[in-house]
């Protein structure tokens, strides 16, 4: 595995800061950092996200990463994350669960 670059480290720091039961979208993280975009954040998580709470980073429509819905749902239920749907497609209630970041 390659050395973690500054942007990737910053993305992972934000993910680490998201409290249990709350989420941010890929775009929220990019906006919070003022750099990159949703795809760049997604690439960081795909490459290095195994050690952080990856399930707390979701699409803007409230859906978790494709292929990880069942594992994410287990975590959402355990953490009390507000959901719009626990049945496929799993969907987090973004209005209630979105975390604004440290400054918010």
PDB file of N, CA and C in Angstrom:
ATOM      1  N   UNK A   1       0.842  -1.184   0.000  1.00  0.00           N
ATOM      2  CA  UNK A   1       0.000   0.000   0.000  1.00  0.00           C
ATOM      3  C   UNK A   1       0.883   1.243   0.000  1.00  0.00           C
ATOM      4  N   UNK A   2       0.432   2.259  -0.701  1.00  0.00           N
ATOM      5  CA  UNK A   2       1.217   3.483  -0.800  1.00  0.00           C
ATOM      6  C   UNK A   2       1.093   4.301   0.482  1.00  0.00           C
ATOM      7  N   UNK A   3       1.989   5.246   0.613  1.00  0.00           N
ATOM      8  CA  UNK A   3       1.976   6.153   1.751  1.00  0.00           C
ATOM      9  C   UNK A   3       0.737   7.034   1.667  1.00  0.00           C
ATOM     10  N   UNK A   4       0.150   7.302   2.813  1.00  0.00           N
ATOM     11  CA  UNK A   4      -1.050   8.129   2.880  1.00  0.00           C
ATOM     12  C   UNK A   4      -0.697   9.580   2.561  1.00  0.00           C
ATOM     13  N   UNK A   5      -1.345  10.138   1.537  1.00  0.00           N
ATOM     14  CA  UNK A   5      -1.105  11.535   1.186  1.00  0.00           C
ATOM     15  C   UNK A   5      -1.909  12.443   2.115  1.00  0.00           C
ATOM     16  N   UNK A   6      -1.615  13.733   2.080  1.00  0.00           N
ATOM     17  CA  UNK A   6      -2.243  14.707   2.971  1.00  0.00           C
ATOM     18  C   UNK A   6      -3.763  14.739   2.814  1.00  0.00           C
ATOM     19  N   UNK A   7      -4.253  14.732   1.569  1.00  0.00           N
ATOM     20  CA  UNK A   7      -5.698  14.792   1.350  1.00  0.00           C
ATOM     21  C   UNK A   7      -6.383  13.563   1.955  1.00  0.00           C
ATOM     22  N   UNK A   8      -5.827  12.395   1.710  1.00  0.00           N
ATOM     23  CA  UNK A   8      -6.412  11.165   2.252  1.00  0.00           C
ATOM     24  C   UNK A   8      -6.424  11.200   3.775  1.00  0.00           C
ATOM     25  N   UNK A   9      -5.343  11.656   4.378  1.00  0.00           N
ATOM     26  CA  UNK A   9      -5.284  11.756   5.836  1.00  0.00           C
ATOM     27  C   UNK A   9      -6.359  12.700   6.362  1.00  0.00           C
ATOM     28  N   UNK A  10      -6.568  13.821   5.669  1.00  0.00           N
ATOM     29  CA  UNK A  10      -7.592  14.784   6.092  1.00  0.00           C
ATOM     30  C   UNK A  10      -8.992  14.183   5.979  1.00  0.00           C
ATOM     31  N   UNK A  11      -9.262  13.446   4.896  1.00  0.00           N
ATOM     32  CA  UNK A  11     -10.565  12.789   4.736  1.00  0.00           C
ATOM     33  C   UNK A  11     -10.787  11.808   5.882  1.00  0.00           C
ATOM     34  N   UNK A  12      -9.802  10.987   6.169  1.00  0.00           N
ATOM     35  CA  UNK A  12      -9.948   9.985   7.229  1.00  0.00           C
ATOM     36  C   UNK A  12     -10.116  10.636   8.597  1.00  0.00           C
ATOM     37  N   UNK A  13      -9.466  11.775   8.825  1.00  0.00           N
ATOM     38  CA  UNK A  13      -9.654  12.506  10.086  1.00  0.00           C
ATOM     39  C   UNK A  13     -11.095  12.965  10.244  1.00  0.00           C
ATOM     40  N   UNK A  14     -11.698  13.462   9.159  1.00  0.00           N
ATOM     41  CA  UNK A  14     -13.097  13.906   9.224  1.00  0.00           C
ATOM     42  C   UNK A  14     -14.003  12.706   9.508  1.00  0.00           C
ATOM     43  N   UNK A  15     -13.781  11.596   8.816  1.00  0.00           N
ATOM     44  CA  UNK A  15     -14.606  10.405   9.037  1.00  0.00           C
ATOM     45  C   UNK A  15     -14.491   9.954  10.492  1.00  0.00           C
ATOM     46  N   UNK A  16     -13.276   9.985  11.037  1.00  0.00           N
ATOM     47  CA  UNK A  16     -13.077   9.608  12.446  1.00  0.00           C
ATOM     48  C   UNK A  16     -13.849  10.504  13.400  1.00  0.00           C
ATOM     49  N   UNK A  17     -14.093  11.747  13.006  1.00  0.00           N
ATOM     50  CA  UNK A  17     -14.760  12.711  13.883  1.00  0.00           C
ATOM     51  C   UNK A  17     -16.287  12.620  13.840  1.00  0.00           C
ATOM     52  N   UNK A  18     -16.860  11.929  12.852  1.00  0.00           N
ATOM     53  CA  UNK A  18     -18.319  11.834  12.747  1.00  0.00           C
ATOM     54  C   UNK A  18     -18.835  11.005  13.926  1.00  0.00           C
ATOM     55  N   UNK A  19     -19.719  11.576  14.730  1.00  0.00           N
ATOM     56  CA  UNK A  19     -20.212  10.853  15.914  1.00  0.00           C
ATOM     57  C   UNK A  19     -21.098   9.663  15.534  1.00  0.00           C
ATOM     58  N   UNK A  20     -21.141   8.646  16.405  1.00  0.00           N
ATOM     59  CA  UNK A  20     -22.053   7.520  16.175  1.00  0.00           C
ATOM     60  C   UNK A  20     -23.480   8.026  15.999  1.00  0.00           C
ATOM     61  N   UNK A  21     -24.198   7.405  15.071  1.00  0.00           N
ATOM     62  CA  UNK A  21     -25.583   7.780  14.818  1.00  0.00           C
ATOM     63  C   UNK A  21     -25.737   8.940  13.866  1.00  0.00           C
ATOM     64  N   UNK A  22     -24.620   9.482  13.371  1.00  0.00           N
ATOM     65  CA  UNK A  22     -24.680  10.586  12.425  1.00  0.00           C
ATOM     66  C   UNK A  22     -23.877  10.226  11.181  1.00  0.00           C
ATOM     67  N   UNK A  23     -24.102  10.979  10.113  1.00  0.00           N
ATOM     68  CA  UNK A  23     -23.461  10.691   8.827  1.00  0.00           C
ATOM     69  C   UNK A  23     -23.075  11.987   8.126  1.00  0.00           C
ATOM     70  N   UNK A  24     -22.214  11.847   7.128  1.00  0.00           N
ATOM     71  CA  UNK A  24     -21.920  12.922   6.177  1.00  0.00           C
ATOM     72  C   UNK A  24     -21.935  12.280   4.803  1.00  0.00           C
ATOM     73  N   UNK A  25     -22.295  13.049   3.794  1.00  0.00           N
ATOM     74  CA  UNK A  25     -22.200  12.536   2.429  1.00  0.00           C
ATOM     75  C   UNK A  25     -20.768  12.720   1.940  1.00  0.00           C
ATOM     76  N   UNK A  26     -20.446  12.026   0.862  1.00  0.00           N
ATOM     77  CA  UNK A  26     -19.118  12.188   0.262  1.00  0.00           C
ATOM     78  C   UNK A  26     -18.881  13.663  -0.076  1.00  0.00           C
ATOM     79  N   UNK A  27     -19.903  14.305  -0.640  1.00  0.00           N
ATOM     80  CA  UNK A  27     -19.803  15.713  -0.989  1.00  0.00           C
ATOM     81  C   UNK A  27     -19.684  16.615   0.224  1.00  0.00           C
ATOM     82  N   UNK A  28     -20.373  16.259   1.325  1.00  0.00           N
ATOM     83  CA  UNK A  28     -20.254  17.042   2.556  1.00  0.00           C
ATOM     84  C   UNK A  28     -18.804  17.095   3.017  1.00  0.00           C
ATOM     85  N   UNK A  29     -18.125  15.955   2.946  1.00  0.00           N
ATOM     86  CA  UNK A  29     -16.732  15.893   3.403  1.00  0.00           C
ATOM     87  C   UNK A  29     -15.846  16.752   2.503  1.00  0.00           C
ATOM     88  N   UNK A  30     -16.032  16.636   1.195  1.00  0.00           N
ATOM     89  CA  UNK A  30     -15.235  17.459   0.269  1.00  0.00           C
ATOM     90  C   UNK A  30     -15.481  18.944   0.534  1.00  0.00           C
ATOM     91  N   UNK A  31     -16.729  19.315   0.748  1.00  0.00           N
ATOM     92  CA  UNK A  31     -17.064  20.708   1.021  1.00  0.00           C
ATOM     93  C   UNK A  31     -16.460  21.159   2.346  1.00  0.00           C
ATOM     94  N   UNK A  32     -16.539  20.330   3.355  1.00  0.00           N
ATOM     95  CA  UNK A  32     -15.979  20.641   4.668  1.00  0.00           C
ATOM     96  C   UNK A  32     -14.475  20.898   4.568  1.00  0.00           C
ATOM     97  N   UNK A  33     -13.790  20.066   3.760  1.00  0.00           N
ATOM     98  CA  UNK A  33     -12.346  20.210   3.585  1.00  0.00           C
ATOM     99  C   UNK A  33     -11.994  21.344   2.630  1.00  0.00           C
ATOM    100  N   UNK A  34     -12.945  21.765   1.809  1.00  0.00           N
ATOM    101  CA  UNK A  34     -12.674  22.790   0.814  1.00  0.00           C
ATOM    102  C   UNK A  34     -11.754  22.303  -0.285  1.00  0.00           C
ATOM    103  N   UNK A  35     -11.793  20.996  -0.527  1.00  0.00           N
ATOM    104  CA  UNK A  35     -10.907  20.409  -1.541  1.00  0.00           C
ATOM    105  C   UNK A  35     -11.510  19.115  -2.067  1.00  0.00           C
ATOM    106  N   UNK A  36     -11.206  18.822  -3.326  1.00  0.00           N
ATOM    107  CA  UNK A  36     -11.680  17.576  -3.921  1.00  0.00           C
ATOM    108  C   UNK A  36     -13.173  17.598  -4.157  1.00  0.00           C
ATOM    109  N   UNK A  37     -13.717  16.429  -4.353  1.00  0.00           N
ATOM    110  CA  UNK A  37     -15.147  16.280  -4.583  1.00  0.00           C
ATOM    111  C   UNK A  37     -15.587  14.920  -4.098  1.00  0.00           C
ATOM    112  N   UNK A  38     -16.868  14.597  -4.297  1.00  0.00           N
ATOM    113  CA  UNK A  38     -17.387  13.321  -3.810  1.00  0.00           C
ATOM    114  C   UNK A  38     -16.607  12.103  -4.308  1.00  0.00           C
ATOM    115  N   UNK A  39     -16.220  12.106  -5.570  1.00  0.00           N
ATOM    116  CA  UNK A  39     -15.488  10.947  -6.115  1.00  0.00           C
ATOM    117  C   UNK A  39     -14.121  10.782  -5.462  1.00  0.00           C
ATOM    118  N   UNK A  40     -13.445  11.892  -5.197  1.00  0.00           N
ATOM    119  CA  UNK A  40     -12.138  11.807  -4.545  1.00  0.00           C
ATOM    120  C   UNK A  40     -12.285  11.251  -3.130  1.00  0.00           C
ATOM    121  N   UNK A  41     -13.308  11.706  -2.411  1.00  0.00           N
ATOM    122  CA  UNK A  41     -13.561  11.192  -1.063  1.00  0.00           C
ATOM    123  C   UNK A  41     -13.863   9.693  -1.142  1.00  0.00           C
ATOM    124  N   UNK A  42     -14.675   9.296  -2.120  1.00  0.00           N
ATOM    125  CA  UNK A  42     -14.990   7.881  -2.303  1.00  0.00           C
ATOM    126  C   UNK A  42     -13.754   7.047  -2.584  1.00  0.00           C
ATOM    127  N   UNK A  43     -12.846   7.584  -3.391  1.00  0.00           N
ATOM    128  CA  UNK A  43     -11.598   6.856  -3.684  1.00  0.00           C
ATOM    129  C   UNK A  43     -10.753   6.670  -2.426  1.00  0.00           C
ATOM    130  N   UNK A  44     -10.685   7.704  -1.597  1.00  0.00           N
ATOM    131  CA  UNK A  44      -9.928   7.594  -0.346  1.00  0.00           C
ATOM    132  C   UNK A  44     -10.524   6.487   0.517  1.00  0.00           C
ATOM    133  N   UNK A  45     -11.848   6.480   0.651  1.00  0.00           N
ATOM    134  CA  UNK A  45     -12.479   5.462   1.492  1.00  0.00           C
ATOM    135  C   UNK A  45     -12.327   4.063   0.905  1.00  0.00           C
ATOM    136  N   UNK A  46     -12.390   3.952  -0.421  1.00  0.00           N
ATOM    137  CA  UNK A  46     -12.206   2.648  -1.058  1.00  0.00           C
ATOM    138  C   UNK A  46     -10.791   2.128  -0.814  1.00  0.00           C
ATOM    139  N   UNK A  47      -9.821   3.021  -0.782  1.00  0.00           N
ATOM    140  CA  UNK A  47      -8.430   2.623  -0.611  1.00  0.00           C
ATOM    141  C   UNK A  47      -8.009   2.452   0.847  1.00  0.00           C
ATOM    142  N   UNK A  48      -8.481   3.348   1.720  1.00  0.00           N
ATOM    143  CA  UNK A  48      -7.963   3.383   3.092  1.00  0.00           C
ATOM    144  C   UNK A  48      -9.040   3.337   4.178  1.00  0.00           C
ATOM    145  N   UNK A  49     -10.296   3.194   3.795  1.00  0.00           N
ATOM    146  CA  UNK A  49     -11.389   3.367   4.744  1.00  0.00           C
ATOM    147  C   UNK A  49     -11.700   2.213   5.665  1.00  0.00           C
ATOM    148  N   UNK A  50     -10.999   1.095   5.536  1.00  0.00           N
ATOM    149  CA  UNK A  50     -11.306  -0.067   6.365  1.00  0.00           C
ATOM    150  C   UNK A  50     -11.130   0.149   7.851  1.00  0.00           C
ATOM    151  N   UNK A  51     -10.286   1.096   8.235  1.00  0.00           N
ATOM    152  CA  UNK A  51     -10.013   1.316   9.646  1.00  0.00           C
ATOM    153  C   UNK A  51     -10.826   2.430  10.277  1.00  0.00           C
ATOM    154  N   UNK A  52     -11.724   3.048   9.510  1.00  0.00           N
ATOM    155  CA  UNK A  52     -12.564   4.122  10.039  1.00  0.00           C
ATOM    156  C   UNK A  52     -14.036   3.729   9.908  1.00  0.00           C
ATOM    157  N   UNK A  53     -14.910   4.556  10.438  1.00  0.00           N
ATOM    158  CA  UNK A  53     -16.357   4.286  10.404  1.00  0.00           C
ATOM    159  C   UNK A  53     -16.910   4.614   9.010  1.00  0.00           C
ATOM    160  N   UNK A  54     -16.529   3.830   8.028  1.00  0.00           N
ATOM    161  CA  UNK A  54     -16.903   4.061   6.621  1.00  0.00           C
ATOM    162  C   UNK A  54     -18.406   4.135   6.416  1.00  0.00           C
ATOM    163  N   UNK A  55     -19.178   3.446   7.228  1.00  0.00           N
ATOM    164  CA  UNK A  55     -20.638   3.423   7.061  1.00  0.00           C
ATOM    165  C   UNK A  55     -21.270   4.773   7.379  1.00  0.00           C
ATOM    166  N   UNK A  56     -20.527   5.670   7.999  1.00  0.00           N
ATOM    167  CA  UNK A  56     -21.049   7.003   8.310  1.00  0.00           C
ATOM    168  C   UNK A  56     -20.870   7.969   7.148  1.00  0.00           C
ATOM    169  N   UNK A  57     -20.288   7.499   6.039  1.00  0.00           N
ATOM    170  CA  UNK A  57     -20.130   8.321   4.841  1.00  0.00           C
ATOM    171  C   UNK A  57     -20.997   7.692   3.755  1.00  0.00           C
ATOM    172  N   UNK A  58     -21.974   8.459   3.280  1.00  0.00           N
ATOM    173  CA  UNK A  58     -22.983   7.900   2.387  1.00  0.00           C
ATOM    174  C   UNK A  58     -23.248   8.842   1.223  1.00  0.00           C
ATOM    175  N   UNK A  59     -24.058   8.380   0.297  1.00  0.00           N
ATOM    176  CA  UNK A  59     -24.471   9.224  -0.830  1.00  0.00           C
ATOM    177  C   UNK A  59     -25.437  10.292  -0.326  1.00  0.00           C
ATOM    178  N   UNK A  60     -25.530  11.379  -1.060  1.00  0.00           N
ATOM    179  CA  UNK A  60     -26.393  12.499  -0.664  1.00  0.00           C
ATOM    180  C   UNK A  60     -27.863  12.092  -0.557  1.00  0.00           C
ATOM    181  N   UNK A  61     -28.260  11.009  -1.249  1.00  0.00           N
ATOM    182  CA  UNK A  61     -29.650  10.554  -1.159  1.00  0.00           C
ATOM    183  C   UNK A  61     -29.905   9.664   0.056  1.00  0.00           C
ATOM    184  N   UNK A  62     -28.869   9.465   0.888  1.00  0.00           N
ATOM    185  CA  UNK A  62     -29.032   8.684   2.116  1.00  0.00           C
ATOM    186  C   UNK A  62     -28.686   7.218   1.981  1.00  0.00           C
ATOM    187  N   UNK A  63     -28.241   6.779   0.818  1.00  0.00           N
ATOM    188  CA  UNK A  63     -27.926   5.362   0.633  1.00  0.00           C
ATOM    189  C   UNK A  63     -26.440   5.093   0.903  1.00  0.00           C
ATOM    190  N   UNK A  64     -26.144   3.940   1.510  1.00  0.00           N
ATOM    191  CA  UNK A  64     -24.744   3.579   1.755  1.00  0.00           C
ATOM    192  C   UNK A  64     -24.051   3.112   0.481  1.00  0.00           C
ATOM    193  N   UNK A  65     -22.755   2.898   0.597  1.00  0.00           N
ATOM    194  CA  UNK A  65     -21.961   2.450  -0.547  1.00  0.00           C
ATOM    195  C   UNK A  65     -22.525   1.143  -1.108  1.00  0.00           C
ATOM    196  N   UNK A  66     -22.646   1.048  -2.433  1.00  0.00           N
ATOM    197  CA  UNK A  66     -23.185  -0.179  -3.042  1.00  0.00           C
ATOM    198  C   UNK A  66     -22.374  -1.405  -2.636  1.00  0.00           C
ATOM    199  N   UNK A  67     -23.090  -2.459  -2.320  1.00  0.00           N
ATOM    200  CA  UNK A  67     -22.442  -3.695  -1.921  1.00  0.00           C
ATOM    201  C   UNK A  67     -22.185  -3.792  -0.424  1.00  0.00           C
ATOM    202  N   UNK A  68     -22.401  -2.698   0.291  1.00  0.00           N
ATOM    203  CA  UNK A  68     -22.138  -2.681   1.735  1.00  0.00           C
ATOM    204  C   UNK A  68     -23.403  -2.390   2.546  1.00  0.00           C
ATOM    205  N   UNK A  69     -24.556  -2.469   1.888  1.00  0.00           N
ATOM    206  CA  UNK A  69     -25.811  -2.078   2.547  1.00  0.00           C
ATOM    207  C   UNK A  69     -26.099  -2.888   3.812  1.00  0.00           C
ATOM    208  N   UNK A  70     -25.944  -4.205   3.748  1.00  0.00           N
ATOM    209  CA  UNK A  70     -26.279  -5.054   4.894  1.00  0.00           C
ATOM    210  C   UNK A  70     -25.360  -4.770   6.082  1.00  0.00           C
ATOM    211  N   UNK A  71     -24.067  -4.649   5.824  1.00  0.00           N
ATOM    212  CA  UNK A  71     -23.120  -4.354   6.911  1.00  0.00           C
ATOM    213  C   UNK A  71     -23.359  -2.957   7.471  1.00  0.00           C
ATOM    214  N   UNK A  72     -23.657  -2.003   6.597  1.00  0.00           N
ATOM    215  CA  UNK A  72     -23.932  -0.642   7.050  1.00  0.00           C
ATOM    216  C   UNK A  72     -25.203  -0.611   7.903  1.00  0.00           C
ATOM    217  N   UNK A  73     -26.243  -1.323   7.462  1.00  0.00           N
ATOM    218  CA  UNK A  73     -27.503  -1.350   8.211  1.00  0.00           C
ATOM    219  C   UNK A  73     -27.295  -1.880   9.624  1.00  0.00           C
ATOM    220  N   UNK A  74     -26.496  -2.922   9.780  1.00  0.00           N
ATOM    221  CA  UNK A  74     -26.208  -3.443  11.126  1.00  0.00           C
ATOM    222  C   UNK A  74     -25.632  -2.346  12.010  1.00  0.00           C
ATOM    223  N   UNK A  75     -24.709  -1.572  11.454  1.00  0.00           N
ATOM    224  CA  UNK A  75     -24.072  -0.489  12.212  1.00  0.00           C
ATOM    225  C   UNK A  75     -25.085   0.617  12.517  1.00  0.00           C
ATOM    226  N   UNK A  76     -25.927   0.973  11.530  1.00  0.00           N
ATOM    227  CA  UNK A  76     -26.923   2.024  11.756  1.00  0.00           C
ATOM    228  C   UNK A  76     -27.873   1.643  12.888  1.00  0.00           C
ATOM    229  N   UNK A  77     -28.325   0.407  12.872  1.00  0.00           N
ATOM    230  CA  UNK A  77     -29.247  -0.045  13.910  1.00  0.00           C
ATOM    231  C   UNK A  77     -28.567  -0.045  15.273  1.00  0.00           C
ATOM    232  N   UNK A  78     -27.309  -0.491  15.332  1.00  0.00           N
ATOM    233  CA  UNK A  78     -26.567  -0.531  16.594  1.00  0.00           C
ATOM    234  C   UNK A  78     -26.310   0.877  17.142  1.00  0.00           C
ATOM    235  N   UNK A  79     -26.099   1.845  16.248  1.00  0.00           N
ATOM    236  CA  UNK A  79     -25.786   3.214  16.668  1.00  0.00           C
ATOM    237  C   UNK A  79     -27.017   4.102  16.807  1.00  0.00           C
ATOM    238  N   UNK A  80     -28.180   3.607  16.412  1.00  0.00           N
ATOM    239  CA  UNK A  80     -29.395   4.411  16.492  1.00  0.00           C
ATOM    240  C   UNK A  80     -29.461   5.506  15.438  1.00  0.00           C
ATOM    241  N   UNK A  81     -28.850   5.276  14.293  1.00  0.00           N
ATOM    242  CA  UNK A  81     -28.873   6.249  13.206  1.00  0.00           C
ATOM    243  C   UNK A  81     -30.299   6.382  12.671  1.00  0.00           C
ATOM    244  N   UNK A  82     -30.826   7.598  12.550  1.00  0.00           N
ATOM    245  CA  UNK A  82     -32.183   7.774  12.004  1.00  0.00           C
ATOM    246  C   UNK A  82     -32.264   7.256  10.559  1.00  0.00           C
ATOM    247  N   UNK A  83     -33.222   6.392  10.304  1.00  0.00           N
ATOM    248  CA  UNK A  83     -33.379   5.797   8.975  1.00  0.00           C
ATOM    249  C   UNK A  83     -34.704   6.193   8.356  1.00  0.00           C
ATOM    250  N   UNK A  84     -34.705   6.298   7.033  1.00  0.00           N
ATOM    251  CA  UNK A  84     -35.955   6.449   6.288  1.00  0.00           C
ATOM    252  C   UNK A  84     -36.445   5.077   5.876  1.00  0.00           C
ATOM    253  N   UNK A  85     -35.489   4.138   5.655  1.00  0.00           N
ATOM    254  CA  UNK A  85     -35.850   2.779   5.267  1.00  0.00           C
ATOM    255  C   UNK A  85     -34.771   1.808   5.720  1.00  0.00           C
ATOM    256  N   UNK A  86     -35.199   0.749   6.428  1.00  0.00           N
ATOM    257  CA  UNK A  86     -34.277  -0.316   6.818  1.00  0.00           C
ATOM    258  C   UNK A  86     -34.385  -1.483   5.845  1.00  0.00           C
ATOM    259  N   UNK A  87     -35.294  -1.373   4.887  1.00  0.00           N
ATOM    260  CA  UNK A  87     -35.449  -2.397   3.849  1.00  0.00           C
ATOM    261  C   UNK A  87     -34.778  -1.893   2.586  1.00  0.00           C
ATOM    262  N   UNK A  88     -34.332  -2.807   1.747  1.00  0.00           N
ATOM    263  CA  UNK A  88     -33.698  -2.356   0.492  1.00  0.00           C
ATOM    264  C   UNK A  88     -34.641  -1.466  -0.312  1.00  0.00           C
ATOM    265  N   UNK A  89     -34.181  -0.338  -0.809  1.00  0.00           N
ATOM    266  CA  UNK A  89     -32.849   0.208  -0.542  1.00  0.00           C
ATOM    267  C   UNK A  89     -32.768   0.860   0.834  1.00  0.00           C
ATOM    268  N   UNK A  90     -31.738   0.485   1.595  1.00  0.00           N
ATOM    269  CA  UNK A  90     -31.491   1.090   2.903  1.00  0.00           C
ATOM    270  C   UNK A  90     -31.253   2.576   2.680  1.00  0.00           C
ATOM    271  N   UNK A  91     -31.872   3.396   3.528  1.00  0.00           N
ATOM    272  CA  UNK A  91     -31.728   4.842   3.353  1.00  0.00           C
ATOM    273  C   UNK A  91     -31.716   5.528   4.719  1.00  0.00           C
ATOM    274  N   UNK A  92     -30.669   6.310   4.958  1.00  0.00           N
ATOM    275  CA  UNK A  92     -30.551   7.103   6.179  1.00  0.00           C
ATOM    276  C   UNK A  92     -31.379   8.372   6.019  1.00  0.00           C
ATOM    277  N   UNK A  93     -31.972   8.844   7.107  1.00  0.00           N
ATOM    278  CA  UNK A  93     -32.710  10.107   7.105  1.00  0.00           C
ATOM    279  C   UNK A  93     -31.685  11.242   7.196  1.00  0.00           C
ATOM    280  N   UNK A  94     -31.307  11.779   6.043  1.00  0.00           N
ATOM    281  CA  UNK A  94     -30.262  12.806   5.994  1.00  0.00           C
ATOM    282  C   UNK A  94     -30.640  14.054   6.786  1.00  0.00           C
ATOM    283  N   UNK A  95     -31.888  14.409   6.792  1.00  0.00           N
ATOM    284  CA  UNK A  95     -32.312  15.621   7.501  1.00  0.00           C
ATOM    285  C   UNK A  95     -31.997  15.498   8.992  1.00  0.00           C
ATOM    286  N   UNK A  96     -32.198  14.328   9.554  1.00  0.00           N
ATOM    287  CA  UNK A  96     -31.994  14.123  10.989  1.00  0.00           C
ATOM    288  C   UNK A  96     -30.600  13.620  11.340  1.00  0.00           C
ATOM    289  N   UNK A  97     -29.935  12.926  10.424  1.00  0.00           N
ATOM    290  CA  UNK A  97     -28.663  12.274  10.753  1.00  0.00           C
ATOM    291  C   UNK A  97     -27.423  13.030  10.277  1.00  0.00           C
ATOM    292  N   UNK A  98     -27.589  14.012   9.397  1.00  0.00           N
ATOM    293  CA  UNK A  98     -26.413  14.690   8.826  1.00  0.00           C
ATOM    294  C   UNK A  98     -25.652  15.449   9.915  1.00  0.00           C
ATOM    295  N   UNK A  99     -24.335  15.204   9.936  1.00  0.00           N
ATOM    296  CA  UNK A  99     -23.454  15.901  10.877  1.00  0.00           C
ATOM    297  C   UNK A  99     -22.827  17.093  10.157  1.00  0.00           C
ATOM    298  N   UNK A 100     -22.919  18.294  10.725  1.00  0.00           N
ATOM    299  CA  UNK A 100     -22.408  19.482  10.045  1.00  0.00           C
ATOM    300  C   UNK A 100     -20.890  19.653  10.135  1.00  0.00           C
ATOM    301  N   UNK A 101     -20.227  18.824  10.895  1.00  0.00           N
ATOM    302  CA  UNK A 101     -18.784  18.979  11.068  1.00  0.00           C
ATOM    303  C   UNK A 101     -18.474  19.711  12.358  1.00  0.00           C
ATOM    304  N   UNK A 102     -17.208  19.733  12.697  1.00  0.00           N
ATOM    305  CA  UNK A 102     -16.782  20.324  13.972  1.00  0.00           C
ATOM    306  C   UNK A 102     -17.251  21.758  14.162  1.00  0.00           C
ATOM    307  N   UNK A 103     -17.220  22.516  13.068  1.00  0.00           N
ATOM    308  CA  UNK A 103     -17.573  23.936  13.173  1.00  0.00           C
ATOM    309  C   UNK A 103     -19.077  24.167  13.211  1.00  0.00           C
ATOM    310  N   UNK A 104     -19.868  23.094  12.941  1.00  0.00           N
ATOM    311  CA  UNK A 104     -21.297  23.285  12.805  1.00  0.00           C
ATOM    312  C   UNK A 104     -22.084  23.310  14.036  1.00  0.00           C
TER     313      UNK A 104
END
